[in-house]
Amino acid sequence: MLLVILLLIFEFVGDSTQQDTITQQDTITPLYPEVIAVEETDITISCNYKGDINYLQWYRQFPGSRPECLLLILQSNMFVQNTSITTSRHTGAINEDKTRVDLKISSTEVTDSALYYCAL
């Protein structure tokens, strides 16, 4: 079985008048910001956020390529997929308390190995 390595990098967006922030979830250490998964397993990567957020985004970036938007997740917990690059294996959700945004990849494949960004 092959392993899939998913590196997680986070975007922090805000201005001096508003304190909207997004940070990696504590389960992944800053020194080793990666998730290792066996093919065909399901994984969830998460970011914590605070502030009055209307939508959040998940991006994926392959080496030597620019980031591409995977999902736009609305505060109503609906998500919009970039159907040219995502499949039904990629889903997003905001938790009930509206403090965490998740990206779930079902049945991981080697081709899922990339940098993943969450952003406000």
PDB file of N, CA and C in Angstrom:
ATOM      1  N   MET A   1       0.837  -1.190   0.000  1.00  0.00           N
ATOM      2  CA  MET A   1       0.000   0.000   0.000  1.00  0.00           C
ATOM      3  C   MET A   1       0.877   1.246   0.000  1.00  0.00           C
ATOM      4  N   LEU A   2       0.479   2.230  -0.743  1.00  0.00           N
ATOM      5  CA  LEU A   2       1.201   3.487  -0.801  1.00  0.00           C
ATOM      6  C   LEU A   2       0.645   4.458   0.221  1.00  0.00           C
ATOM      7  N   LEU A   3       1.489   5.361   0.660  1.00  0.00           N
ATOM      8  CA  LEU A   3       1.051   6.371   1.608  1.00  0.00           C
ATOM      9  C   LEU A   3       0.795   7.681   0.890  1.00  0.00           C
ATOM     10  N   VAL A   4      -0.136   8.425   1.408  1.00  0.00           N
ATOM     11  CA  VAL A   4      -0.451   9.747   0.881  1.00  0.00           C
ATOM     12  C   VAL A   4       0.002  10.754   1.931  1.00  0.00           C
ATOM     13  N   ILE A   5       0.771  11.733   1.532  1.00  0.00           N
ATOM     14  CA  ILE A   5       1.207  12.777   2.460  1.00  0.00           C
ATOM     15  C   ILE A   5       0.513  14.074   2.077  1.00  0.00           C
ATOM     16  N   LEU A   6      -0.178  14.648   3.029  1.00  0.00           N
ATOM     17  CA  LEU A   6      -0.900  15.895   2.814  1.00  0.00           C
ATOM     18  C   LEU A   6      -0.293  16.953   3.718  1.00  0.00           C
ATOM     19  N   LEU A   7       0.317  17.945   3.156  1.00  0.00           N
ATOM     20  CA  LEU A   7       0.875  19.025   3.959  1.00  0.00           C
ATOM     21  C   LEU A   7      -0.181  20.098   4.131  1.00  0.00           C
ATOM     22  N   LEU A   8      -0.239  20.645   5.310  1.00  0.00           N
ATOM     23  CA  LEU A   8      -1.265  21.614   5.641  1.00  0.00           C
ATOM     24  C   LEU A   8      -0.625  22.955   5.946  1.00  0.00           C
ATOM     25  N   ILE A   9      -0.983  23.982   5.196  1.00  0.00           N
ATOM     26  CA  ILE A   9      -0.501  25.334   5.438  1.00  0.00           C
ATOM     27  C   ILE A   9      -1.727  26.227   5.556  1.00  0.00           C
ATOM     28  N   PHE A  10      -1.625  27.221   6.386  1.00  0.00           N
ATOM     29  CA  PHE A  10      -2.798  28.019   6.695  1.00  0.00           C
ATOM     30  C   PHE A  10      -2.615  29.469   6.321  1.00  0.00           C
ATOM     31  N   GLU A  11      -3.683  30.083   5.883  1.00  0.00           N
ATOM     32  CA  GLU A  11      -3.709  31.503   5.555  1.00  0.00           C
ATOM     33  C   GLU A  11      -4.353  32.249   6.719  1.00  0.00           C
ATOM     34  N   PHE A  12      -3.769  33.347   7.092  1.00  0.00           N
ATOM     35  CA  PHE A  12      -4.335  34.210   8.122  1.00  0.00           C
ATOM     36  C   PHE A  12      -4.756  35.496   7.436  1.00  0.00           C
ATOM     37  N   VAL A  13      -6.027  35.815   7.528  1.00  0.00           N
ATOM     38  CA  VAL A  13      -6.553  36.987   6.853  1.00  0.00           C
ATOM     39  C   VAL A  13      -7.269  37.850   7.883  1.00  0.00           C
ATOM     40  N   GLY A  14      -7.064  39.128   7.804  1.00  0.00           N
ATOM     41  CA  GLY A  14      -7.742  40.039   8.714  1.00  0.00           C
ATOM     42  C   GLY A  14      -7.195  41.436   8.533  1.00  0.00           C
ATOM     43  N   ASP A  15      -7.787  42.399   9.194  1.00  0.00           N
ATOM     44  CA  ASP A  15      -7.254  43.751   9.161  1.00  0.00           C
ATOM     45  C   ASP A  15      -7.269  44.318  10.575  1.00  0.00           C
ATOM     46  N   SER A  16      -6.818  45.534  10.722  1.00  0.00           N
ATOM     47  CA  SER A  16      -6.663  46.105  12.056  1.00  0.00           C
ATOM     48  C   SER A  16      -7.997  46.359  12.759  1.00  0.00           C
ATOM     49  N   THR A  17      -9.095  46.453  12.023  1.00  0.00           N
ATOM     50  CA  THR A  17     -10.381  46.732  12.648  1.00  0.00           C
ATOM     51  C   THR A  17     -11.168  45.464  12.954  1.00  0.00           C
ATOM     52  N   GLN A  18     -10.814  44.389  12.332  1.00  0.00           N
ATOM     53  CA  GLN A  18     -11.557  43.147  12.521  1.00  0.00           C
ATOM     54  C   GLN A  18     -10.585  42.035  12.867  1.00  0.00           C
ATOM     55  N   GLN A  19     -10.930  41.192  13.834  1.00  0.00           N
ATOM     56  CA  GLN A  19     -10.027  40.154  14.308  1.00  0.00           C
ATOM     57  C   GLN A  19     -10.448  38.773  13.822  1.00  0.00           C
ATOM     58  N   ASP A  20     -10.735  38.642  12.543  1.00  0.00           N
ATOM     59  CA  ASP A  20     -11.039  37.340  11.979  1.00  0.00           C
ATOM     60  C   ASP A  20      -9.729  36.577  11.821  1.00  0.00           C
ATOM     61  N   THR A  21      -9.694  35.353  12.333  1.00  0.00           N
ATOM     62  CA  THR A  21      -8.469  34.554  12.230  1.00  0.00           C
ATOM     63  C   THR A  21      -8.814  33.120  11.874  1.00  0.00           C
ATOM     64  N   ILE A  22      -7.833  32.447  11.304  1.00  0.00           N
ATOM     65  CA  ILE A  22      -7.965  31.026  11.015  1.00  0.00           C
ATOM     66  C   ILE A  22      -6.632  30.373  11.322  1.00  0.00           C
ATOM     67  N   THR A  23      -6.661  29.254  12.033  1.00  0.00           N
ATOM     68  CA  THR A  23      -5.437  28.580  12.458  1.00  0.00           C
ATOM     69  C   THR A  23      -5.584  27.076  12.323  1.00  0.00           C
ATOM     70  N   GLN A  24      -4.450  26.398  12.254  1.00  0.00           N
ATOM     71  CA  GLN A  24      -4.511  24.945  12.163  1.00  0.00           C
ATOM     72  C   GLN A  24      -5.065  24.369  13.454  1.00  0.00           C
ATOM     73  N   GLN A  25      -5.691  23.217  13.355  1.00  0.00           N
ATOM     74  CA  GLN A  25      -6.211  22.552  14.532  1.00  0.00           C
ATOM     75  C   GLN A  25      -5.051  21.969  15.314  1.00  0.00           C
ATOM     76  N   ASP A  26      -5.151  21.935  16.632  1.00  0.00           N
ATOM     77  CA  ASP A  26      -4.060  21.528  17.513  1.00  0.00           C
ATOM     78  C   ASP A  26      -3.570  20.096  17.305  1.00  0.00           C
ATOM     79  N   THR A  27      -4.317  19.275  16.613  1.00  0.00           N
ATOM     80  CA  THR A  27      -3.911  17.881  16.447  1.00  0.00           C
ATOM     81  C   THR A  27      -2.715  17.725  15.519  1.00  0.00           C
ATOM     82  N   ILE A  28      -2.378  18.772  14.782  1.00  0.00           N
ATOM     83  CA  ILE A  28      -1.234  18.737  13.883  1.00  0.00           C
ATOM     84  C   ILE A  28      -0.221  19.739  14.418  1.00  0.00           C
ATOM     85  N   THR A  29       1.010  19.292  14.679  1.00  0.00           N
ATOM     86  CA  THR A  29       1.997  20.184  15.263  1.00  0.00           C
ATOM     87  C   THR A  29       2.604  21.081  14.194  1.00  0.00           C
ATOM     88  N   PRO A  30       2.993  22.290  14.565  1.00  0.00           N
ATOM     89  CA  PRO A  30       3.600  23.201  13.586  1.00  0.00           C
ATOM     90  C   PRO A  30       4.898  22.658  12.986  1.00  0.00           C
ATOM     91  N   LEU A  31       5.648  21.868  13.742  1.00  0.00           N
ATOM     92  CA  LEU A  31       6.904  21.330  13.222  1.00  0.00           C
ATOM     93  C   LEU A  31       6.680  20.243  12.177  1.00  0.00           C
ATOM     94  N   TYR A  32       5.582  19.548  12.266  1.00  0.00           N
ATOM     95  CA  TYR A  32       5.266  18.474  11.325  1.00  0.00           C
ATOM     96  C   TYR A  32       3.852  18.649  10.805  1.00  0.00           C
ATOM     97  N   PRO A  33       3.636  19.670   9.966  1.00  0.00           N
ATOM     98  CA  PRO A  33       2.265  19.966   9.513  1.00  0.00           C
ATOM     99  C   PRO A  33       1.846  19.054   8.361  1.00  0.00           C
ATOM    100  N   GLU A  34       1.737  17.765   8.662  1.00  0.00           N
ATOM    101  CA  GLU A  34       1.367  16.833   7.603  1.00  0.00           C
ATOM    102  C   GLU A  34       0.457  15.756   8.148  1.00  0.00           C
ATOM    103  N   VAL A  35      -0.282  15.195   7.251  1.00  0.00           N
ATOM    104  CA  VAL A  35      -1.150  14.063   7.552  1.00  0.00           C
ATOM    105  C   VAL A  35      -0.695  12.942   6.646  1.00  0.00           C
ATOM    106  N   ILE A  36      -0.498  11.776   7.202  1.00  0.00           N
ATOM    107  CA  ILE A  36      -0.107  10.623   6.399  1.00  0.00           C
ATOM    108  C   ILE A  36      -1.263   9.636   6.439  1.00  0.00           C
ATOM    109  N   ALA A  37      -1.689   9.207   5.277  1.00  0.00           N
ATOM    110  CA  ALA A  37      -2.833   8.306   5.194  1.00  0.00           C
ATOM    111  C   ALA A  37      -2.528   7.160   4.244  1.00  0.00           C
ATOM    112  N   VAL A  38      -3.097   6.027   4.506  1.00  0.00           N
ATOM    113  CA  VAL A  38      -3.006   4.881   3.617  1.00  0.00           C
ATOM    114  C   VAL A  38      -4.060   5.053   2.533  1.00  0.00           C
ATOM    115  N   GLU A  39      -3.719   4.663   1.316  1.00  0.00           N
ATOM    116  CA  GLU A  39      -4.697   4.758   0.229  1.00  0.00           C
ATOM    117  C   GLU A  39      -6.005   4.083   0.607  1.00  0.00           C
ATOM    118  N   GLU A  40      -7.085   4.630   0.055  1.00  0.00           N
ATOM    119  CA  GLU A  40      -8.441   4.110   0.240  1.00  0.00           C
ATOM    120  C   GLU A  40      -9.017   4.394   1.625  1.00  0.00           C
ATOM    121  N   THR A  41      -8.324   5.186   2.459  1.00  0.00           N
ATOM    122  CA  THR A  41      -8.898   5.559   3.752  1.00  0.00           C
ATOM    123  C   THR A  41      -9.501   6.961   3.637  1.00  0.00           C
ATOM    124  N   ASP A  42     -10.319   7.323   4.605  1.00  0.00           N
ATOM    125  CA  ASP A  42     -10.920   8.655   4.658  1.00  0.00           C
ATOM    126  C   ASP A  42     -10.119   9.506   5.636  1.00  0.00           C
ATOM    127  N   ILE A  43      -9.890  10.753   5.282  1.00  0.00           N
ATOM    128  CA  ILE A  43      -9.214  11.668   6.195  1.00  0.00           C
ATOM    129  C   ILE A  43     -10.002  12.965   6.286  1.00  0.00           C
ATOM    130  N   THR A  44      -9.828  13.651   7.399  1.00  0.00           N
ATOM    131  CA  THR A  44     -10.402  14.976   7.583  1.00  0.00           C
ATOM    132  C   THR A  44      -9.293  15.884   8.086  1.00  0.00           C
ATOM    133  N   ILE A  45      -9.111  17.007   7.416  1.00  0.00           N
ATOM    134  CA  ILE A  45      -8.181  18.022   7.897  1.00  0.00           C
ATOM    135  C   ILE A  45      -8.996  19.249   8.263  1.00  0.00           C
ATOM    136  N   SER A  46      -8.568  19.939   9.322  1.00  0.00           N
ATOM    137  CA  SER A  46      -9.405  20.991   9.897  1.00  0.00           C
ATOM    138  C   SER A  46      -8.617  22.240  10.221  1.00  0.00           C
ATOM    139  N   CYS A  47      -9.328  23.349  10.232  1.00  0.00           N
ATOM    140  CA  CYS A  47      -8.812  24.625  10.707  1.00  0.00           C
ATOM    141  C   CYS A  47      -9.827  25.204  11.683  1.00  0.00           C
ATOM    142  N   ASN A  48      -9.331  25.809  12.741  1.00  0.00           N
ATOM    143  CA  ASN A  48     -10.185  26.537  13.665  1.00  0.00           C
ATOM    144  C   ASN A  48     -10.240  27.988  13.204  1.00  0.00           C
ATOM    145  N   TYR A  49     -11.366  28.639  13.412  1.00  0.00           N
ATOM    146  CA  TYR A  49     -11.470  30.044  13.041  1.00  0.00           C
ATOM    147  C   TYR A  49     -12.333  30.776  14.052  1.00  0.00           C
ATOM    148  N   LYS A  50     -12.187  32.086  14.075  1.00  0.00           N
ATOM    149  CA  LYS A  50     -13.091  32.902  14.888  1.00  0.00           C
ATOM    150  C   LYS A  50     -13.338  34.208  14.165  1.00  0.00           C
ATOM    151  N   GLY A  51     -14.484  34.747  14.433  1.00  0.00           N
ATOM    152  CA  GLY A  51     -14.896  35.979  13.785  1.00  0.00           C
ATOM    153  C   GLY A  51     -16.224  35.778  13.081  1.00  0.00           C
ATOM    154  N   ASP A  52     -16.734  36.851  12.556  1.00  0.00           N
ATOM    155  CA  ASP A  52     -17.995  36.825  11.822  1.00  0.00           C
ATOM    156  C   ASP A  52     -17.668  36.533  10.358  1.00  0.00           C
ATOM    157  N   ILE A  53     -17.661  35.270  10.011  1.00  0.00           N
ATOM    158  CA  ILE A  53     -17.200  34.808   8.707  1.00  0.00           C
ATOM    159  C   ILE A  53     -18.398  34.469   7.829  1.00  0.00           C
ATOM    160  N   ASN A  54     -18.380  34.939   6.586  1.00  0.00           N
ATOM    161  CA  ASN A  54     -19.445  34.598   5.644  1.00  0.00           C
ATOM    162  C   ASN A  54     -19.143  33.329   4.865  1.00  0.00           C
ATOM    163  N   TYR A  55     -17.863  33.103   4.590  1.00  0.00           N
ATOM    164  CA  TYR A  55     -17.483  31.893   3.871  1.00  0.00           C
ATOM    165  C   TYR A  55     -16.009  31.585   4.129  1.00  0.00           C
ATOM    166  N   LEU A  56     -15.657  30.321   3.947  1.00  0.00           N
ATOM    167  CA  LEU A  56     -14.279  29.861   4.072  1.00  0.00           C
ATOM    168  C   LEU A  56     -13.934  29.077   2.816  1.00  0.00           C
ATOM    169  N   GLN A  57     -12.653  28.909   2.579  1.00  0.00           N
ATOM    170  CA  GLN A  57     -12.220  28.226   1.362  1.00  0.00           C
ATOM    171  C   GLN A  57     -11.164  27.181   1.683  1.00  0.00           C
ATOM    172  N   TRP A  58     -11.123  26.156   0.854  1.00  0.00           N
ATOM    173  CA  TRP A  58     -10.041  25.177   0.868  1.00  0.00           C
ATOM    174  C   TRP A  58      -9.364  25.210  -0.493  1.00  0.00           C
ATOM    175  N   TYR A  59      -8.036  25.293  -0.465  1.00  0.00           N
ATOM    176  CA  TYR A  59      -7.219  25.291  -1.677  1.00  0.00           C
ATOM    177  C   TYR A  59      -6.297  24.081  -1.661  1.00  0.00           C
ATOM    178  N   ARG A  60      -5.879  23.671  -2.836  1.00  0.00           N
ATOM    179  CA  ARG A  60      -4.891  22.593  -2.993  1.00  0.00           C
ATOM    180  C   ARG A  60      -3.814  23.107  -3.939  1.00  0.00           C
ATOM    181  N   GLN A  61      -2.555  22.744  -3.614  1.00  0.00           N
ATOM    182  CA  GLN A  61      -1.453  23.144  -4.481  1.00  0.00           C
ATOM    183  C   GLN A  61      -0.498  21.975  -4.685  1.00  0.00           C
ATOM    184  N   PHE A  62      -0.280  21.636  -5.947  1.00  0.00           N
ATOM    185  CA  PHE A  62       0.687  20.607  -6.305  1.00  0.00           C
ATOM    186  C   PHE A  62       2.044  21.271  -6.516  1.00  0.00           C
ATOM    187  N   PRO A  63       3.153  20.551  -6.298  1.00  0.00           N
ATOM    188  CA  PRO A  63       4.488  21.138  -6.499  1.00  0.00           C
ATOM    189  C   PRO A  63       4.617  21.751  -7.897  1.00  0.00           C
ATOM    190  N   GLY A  64       5.152  22.968  -7.946  1.00  0.00           N
ATOM    191  CA  GLY A  64       5.372  23.649  -9.214  1.00  0.00           C
ATOM    192  C   GLY A  64       4.125  24.251  -9.840  1.00  0.00           C
ATOM    193  N   SER A  65       2.995  24.162  -9.156  1.00  0.00           N
ATOM    194  CA  SER A  65       1.738  24.701  -9.682  1.00  0.00           C
ATOM    195  C   SER A  65       1.204  25.779  -8.746  1.00  0.00           C
ATOM    196  N   ARG A  66       0.266  26.559  -9.236  1.00  0.00           N
ATOM    197  CA  ARG A  66      -0.361  27.573  -8.388  1.00  0.00           C
ATOM    198  C   ARG A  66      -1.487  26.932  -7.575  1.00  0.00           C
ATOM    199  N   PRO A  67      -1.869  27.536  -6.453  1.00  0.00           N
ATOM    200  CA  PRO A  67      -2.993  27.002  -5.669  1.00  0.00           C
ATOM    201  C   PRO A  67      -4.284  27.036  -6.489  1.00  0.00           C
ATOM    202  N   GLU A  68      -5.128  26.042  -6.285  1.00  0.00           N
ATOM    203  CA  GLU A  68      -6.431  25.984  -6.955  1.00  0.00           C
ATOM    204  C   GLU A  68      -7.513  25.813  -5.903  1.00  0.00           C
ATOM    205  N   CYS A  69      -8.582  26.550  -6.061  1.00  0.00           N
ATOM    206  CA  CYS A  69      -9.668  26.497  -5.082  1.00  0.00           C
ATOM    207  C   CYS A  69     -10.442  25.196  -5.238  1.00  0.00           C
ATOM    208  N   LEU A  70     -10.521  24.430  -4.153  1.00  0.00           N
ATOM    209  CA  LEU A  70     -11.294  23.188  -4.145  1.00  0.00           C
ATOM    210  C   LEU A  70     -12.748  23.437  -3.759  1.00  0.00           C
ATOM    211  N   LEU A  71     -12.923  24.128  -2.632  1.00  0.00           N
ATOM    212  CA  LEU A  71     -14.254  24.310  -2.075  1.00  0.00           C
ATOM    213  C   LEU A  71     -14.439  25.720  -1.535  1.00  0.00           C
ATOM    214  N   LEU A  72     -15.636  26.218  -1.673  1.00  0.00           N
ATOM    215  CA  LEU A  72     -16.077  27.442  -1.022  1.00  0.00           C
ATOM    216  C   LEU A  72     -17.182  26.997  -0.068  1.00  0.00           C
ATOM    217  N   ILE A  73     -16.984  27.233   1.226  1.00  0.00           N
ATOM    218  CA  ILE A  73     -17.947  26.767   2.227  1.00  0.00           C
ATOM    219  C   ILE A  73     -18.643  27.979   2.831  1.00  0.00           C
ATOM    220  N   LEU A  74     -19.951  28.014   2.700  1.00  0.00           N
ATOM    221  CA  LEU A  74     -20.741  29.135   3.187  1.00  0.00           C
ATOM    222  C   LEU A  74     -21.105  28.939   4.652  1.00  0.00           C
ATOM    223  N   GLN A  75     -21.367  30.025   5.351  1.00  0.00           N
ATOM    224  CA  GLN A  75     -21.710  29.969   6.771  1.00  0.00           C
ATOM    225  C   GLN A  75     -22.955  29.112   7.007  1.00  0.00           C
ATOM    226  N   SER A  76     -23.803  28.975   5.999  1.00  0.00           N
ATOM    227  CA  SER A  76     -25.011  28.157   6.123  1.00  0.00           C
ATOM    228  C   SER A  76     -24.693  26.662   6.065  1.00  0.00           C
ATOM    229  N   ASN A  77     -23.391  26.328   5.970  1.00  0.00           N
ATOM    230  CA  ASN A  77     -22.882  24.963   5.908  1.00  0.00           C
ATOM    231  C   ASN A  77     -23.135  24.304   4.557  1.00  0.00           C
ATOM    232  N   MET A  78     -23.428  25.087   3.570  1.00  0.00           N
ATOM    233  CA  MET A  78     -23.486  24.594   2.201  1.00  0.00           C
ATOM    234  C   MET A  78     -22.087  24.753   1.627  1.00  0.00           C
ATOM    235  N   PHE A  79     -21.722  23.888   0.699  1.00  0.00           N
ATOM    236  CA  PHE A  79     -20.426  24.080   0.069  1.00  0.00           C
ATOM    237  C   PHE A  79     -20.556  23.994  -1.436  1.00  0.00           C
ATOM    238  N   VAL A  80     -19.668  24.698  -2.097  1.00  0.00           N
ATOM    239  CA  VAL A  80     -19.645  24.743  -3.551  1.00  0.00           C
ATOM    240  C   VAL A  80     -18.311  24.164  -3.996  1.00  0.00           C
ATOM    241  N   GLN A  81     -18.363  23.133  -4.830  1.00  0.00           N
ATOM    242  CA  GLN A  81     -17.147  22.500  -5.317  1.00  0.00           C
ATOM    243  C   GLN A  81     -16.694  23.131  -6.616  1.00  0.00           C
ATOM    244  N   ASN A  82     -15.381  23.149  -6.812  1.00  0.00           N
ATOM    245  CA  ASN A  82     -14.822  23.488  -8.113  1.00  0.00           C
ATOM    246  C   ASN A  82     -14.882  22.192  -8.913  1.00  0.00           C
ATOM    247  N   THR A  83     -15.932  21.985  -9.637  1.00  0.00           N
ATOM    248  CA  THR A  83     -16.189  20.686 -10.273  1.00  0.00           C
ATOM    249  C   THR A  83     -15.168  20.314 -11.347  1.00  0.00           C
ATOM    250  N   SER A  84     -14.348  21.277 -11.764  1.00  0.00           N
ATOM    251  CA  SER A  84     -13.331  20.924 -12.746  1.00  0.00           C
ATOM    252  C   SER A  84     -12.157  20.187 -12.110  1.00  0.00           C
ATOM    253  N   ILE A  85     -12.021  20.277 -10.770  1.00  0.00           N
ATOM    254  CA  ILE A  85     -10.899  19.594 -10.114  1.00  0.00           C
ATOM    255  C   ILE A  85     -11.281  18.734  -8.919  1.00  0.00           C
ATOM    256  N   THR A  86     -12.497  18.861  -8.417  1.00  0.00           N
ATOM    257  CA  THR A  86     -12.894  18.049  -7.274  1.00  0.00           C
ATOM    258  C   THR A  86     -13.944  17.028  -7.690  1.00  0.00           C
ATOM    259  N   THR A  87     -14.105  16.049  -6.832  1.00  0.00           N
ATOM    260  CA  THR A  87     -15.088  14.992  -7.065  1.00  0.00           C
ATOM    261  C   THR A  87     -15.971  14.872  -5.833  1.00  0.00           C
ATOM    262  N   SER A  88     -16.857  13.927  -5.841  1.00  0.00           N
ATOM    263  CA  SER A  88     -17.706  13.697  -4.675  1.00  0.00           C
ATOM    264  C   SER A  88     -16.890  13.188  -3.486  1.00  0.00           C
ATOM    265  N   ARG A  89     -15.619  12.846  -3.700  1.00  0.00           N
ATOM    266  CA  ARG A  89     -14.736  12.429  -2.603  1.00  0.00           C
ATOM    267  C   ARG A  89     -14.302  13.612  -1.748  1.00  0.00           C
ATOM    268  N   HIS A  90     -14.433  14.844  -2.246  1.00  0.00           N
ATOM    269  CA  HIS A  90     -14.021  16.053  -1.542  1.00  0.00           C
ATOM    270  C   HIS A  90     -15.257  16.765  -0.991  1.00  0.00           C
ATOM    271  N   THR A  91     -15.373  16.853   0.318  1.00  0.00           N
ATOM    272  CA  THR A  91     -16.514  17.542   0.922  1.00  0.00           C
ATOM    273  C   THR A  91     -16.023  18.477   2.015  1.00  0.00           C
ATOM    274  N   GLY A  92     -16.815  19.477   2.308  1.00  0.00           N
ATOM    275  CA  GLY A  92     -16.455  20.440   3.340  1.00  0.00           C
ATOM    276  C   GLY A  92     -17.613  20.699   4.267  1.00  0.00           C
ATOM    277  N   ALA A  93     -17.285  21.134   5.477  1.00  0.00           N
ATOM    278  CA  ALA A  93     -18.338  21.430   6.449  1.00  0.00           C
ATOM    279  C   ALA A  93     -17.797  22.349   7.533  1.00  0.00           C
ATOM    280  N   ILE A  94     -18.708  23.097   8.137  1.00  0.00           N
ATOM    281  CA  ILE A  94     -18.416  23.927   9.296  1.00  0.00           C
ATOM    282  C   ILE A  94     -19.091  23.249  10.483  1.00  0.00           C
ATOM    283  N   ASN A  95     -18.391  23.168  11.627  1.00  0.00           N
ATOM    284  CA  ASN A  95     -18.987  22.498  12.786  1.00  0.00           C
ATOM    285  C   ASN A  95     -20.146  23.314  13.355  1.00  0.00           C
ATOM    286  N   GLU A  96     -20.931  22.688  14.252  1.00  0.00           N
ATOM    287  CA  GLU A  96     -22.136  23.316  14.806  1.00  0.00           C
ATOM    288  C   GLU A  96     -21.865  24.642  15.503  1.00  0.00           C
ATOM    289  N   ASP A  97     -20.734  24.716  16.208  1.00  0.00           N
ATOM    290  CA  ASP A  97     -20.400  25.930  16.946  1.00  0.00           C
ATOM    291  C   ASP A  97     -19.838  27.033  16.055  1.00  0.00           C
ATOM    292  N   LYS A  98     -19.667  26.723  14.772  1.00  0.00           N
ATOM    293  CA  LYS A  98     -19.100  27.661  13.795  1.00  0.00           C
ATOM    294  C   LYS A  98     -17.733  28.175  14.251  1.00  0.00           C
ATOM    295  N   THR A  99     -16.876  27.197  14.621  1.00  0.00           N
ATOM    296  CA  THR A  99     -15.517  27.516  15.053  1.00  0.00           C
ATOM    297  C   THR A  99     -14.469  26.702  14.293  1.00  0.00           C
ATOM    298  N   ARG A 100     -14.910  25.749  13.478  1.00  0.00           N
ATOM    299  CA  ARG A 100     -13.978  24.868  12.770  1.00  0.00           C
ATOM    300  C   ARG A 100     -14.511  24.575  11.372  1.00  0.00           C
ATOM    301  N   VAL A 101     -13.591  24.546  10.405  1.00  0.00           N
ATOM    302  CA  VAL A 101     -13.944  24.188   9.040  1.00  0.00           C
ATOM    303  C   VAL A 101     -13.151  22.938   8.666  1.00  0.00           C
ATOM    304  N   ASP A 102     -13.822  21.957   8.093  1.00  0.00           N
ATOM    305  CA  ASP A 102     -13.210  20.675   7.758  1.00  0.00           C
ATOM    306  C   ASP A 102     -13.184  20.452   6.255  1.00  0.00           C
ATOM    307  N   LEU A 103     -12.170  19.743   5.823  1.00  0.00           N
ATOM    308  CA  LEU A 103     -12.104  19.208   4.467  1.00  0.00           C
ATOM    309  C   LEU A 103     -11.970  17.710   4.614  1.00  0.00           C
ATOM    310  N   LYS A 104     -12.930  16.976   4.077  1.00  0.00           N
ATOM    311  CA  LYS A 104     -12.881  15.519   4.128  1.00  0.00           C
ATOM    312  C   LYS A 104     -12.561  14.995   2.730  1.00  0.00           C
ATOM    313  N   ILE A 105     -11.587  14.105   2.675  1.00  0.00           N
ATOM    314  CA  ILE A 105     -11.253  13.427   1.430  1.00  0.00           C
ATOM    315  C   ILE A 105     -11.528  11.952   1.662  1.00  0.00           C
ATOM    316  N   SER A 106     -12.479  11.413   0.941  1.00  0.00           N
ATOM    317  CA  SER A 106     -12.855  10.005   1.068  1.00  0.00           C
ATOM    318  C   SER A 106     -12.030   9.166   0.110  1.00  0.00           C
ATOM    319  N   SER A 107     -11.740   7.950   0.519  1.00  0.00           N
ATOM    320  CA  SER A 107     -10.995   6.995  -0.327  1.00  0.00           C
ATOM    321  C   SER A 107      -9.759   7.657  -0.938  1.00  0.00           C
ATOM    322  N   THR A 108      -8.845   8.087  -0.075  1.00  0.00           N
ATOM    323  CA  THR A 108      -7.661   8.811  -0.541  1.00  0.00           C
ATOM    324  C   THR A 108      -6.907   8.046  -1.624  1.00  0.00           C
ATOM    325  N   GLU A 109      -6.299   8.835  -2.506  1.00  0.00           N
ATOM    326  CA  GLU A 109      -5.485   8.305  -3.591  1.00  0.00           C
ATOM    327  C   GLU A 109      -4.132   9.014  -3.561  1.00  0.00           C
ATOM    328  N   VAL A 110      -3.130   8.411  -4.165  1.00  0.00           N
ATOM    329  CA  VAL A 110      -1.816   9.034  -4.225  1.00  0.00           C
ATOM    330  C   VAL A 110      -1.917  10.413  -4.862  1.00  0.00           C
ATOM    331  N   THR A 111      -2.814  10.583  -5.811  1.00  0.00           N
ATOM    332  CA  THR A 111      -2.968  11.872  -6.499  1.00  0.00           C
ATOM    333  C   THR A 111      -3.518  12.967  -5.579  1.00  0.00           C
ATOM    334  N   ASP A 112      -3.930  12.626  -4.354  1.00  0.00           N
ATOM    335  CA  ASP A 112      -4.377  13.619  -3.376  1.00  0.00           C
ATOM    336  C   ASP A 112      -3.197  14.263  -2.651  1.00  0.00           C
ATOM    337  N   SER A 113      -1.988  13.765  -2.846  1.00  0.00           N
ATOM    338  CA  SER A 113      -0.808  14.320  -2.168  1.00  0.00           C
ATOM    339  C   SER A 113      -0.551  15.729  -2.673  1.00  0.00           C
ATOM    340  N   ALA A 114      -0.629  16.696  -1.786  1.00  0.00           N
ATOM    341  CA  ALA A 114      -0.492  18.105  -2.145  1.00  0.00           C
ATOM    342  C   ALA A 114      -0.439  18.947  -0.892  1.00  0.00           C
ATOM    343  N   LEU A 115      -0.228  20.235  -1.054  1.00  0.00           N
ATOM    344  CA  LEU A 115      -0.393  21.204   0.025  1.00  0.00           C
ATOM    345  C   LEU A 115      -1.858  21.602   0.057  1.00  0.00           C
ATOM    346  N   TYR A 116      -2.444  21.688   1.230  1.00  0.00           N
ATOM    347  CA  TYR A 116      -3.828  22.118   1.378  1.00  0.00           C
ATOM    348  C   TYR A 116      -3.864  23.362   2.242  1.00  0.00           C
ATOM    349  N   TYR A 117      -4.600  24.387   1.789  1.00  0.00           N
ATOM    350  CA  TYR A 117      -4.705  25.659   2.483  1.00  0.00           C
ATOM    351  C   TYR A 117      -6.154  25.895   2.884  1.00  0.00           C
ATOM    352  N   CYS A 118      -6.359  26.377   4.099  1.00  0.00           N
ATOM    353  CA  CYS A 118      -7.683  26.883   4.445  1.00  0.00           C
ATOM    354  C   CYS A 118      -7.554  28.392   4.536  1.00  0.00           C
ATOM    355  N   ALA A 119      -8.563  29.099   4.117  1.00  0.00           N
ATOM    356  CA  ALA A 119      -8.490  30.558   4.060  1.00  0.00           C
ATOM    357  C   ALA A 119      -9.842  31.187   4.338  1.00  0.00           C
ATOM    358  N   LEU A 120      -9.789  32.415   4.857  1.00  0.00           N
ATOM    359  CA  LEU A 120     -11.008  33.195   5.063  1.00  0.00           C
ATOM    360  C   LEU A 120     -11.369  33.891   3.776  1.00  0.00           C
TER     361      LEU A 120
END
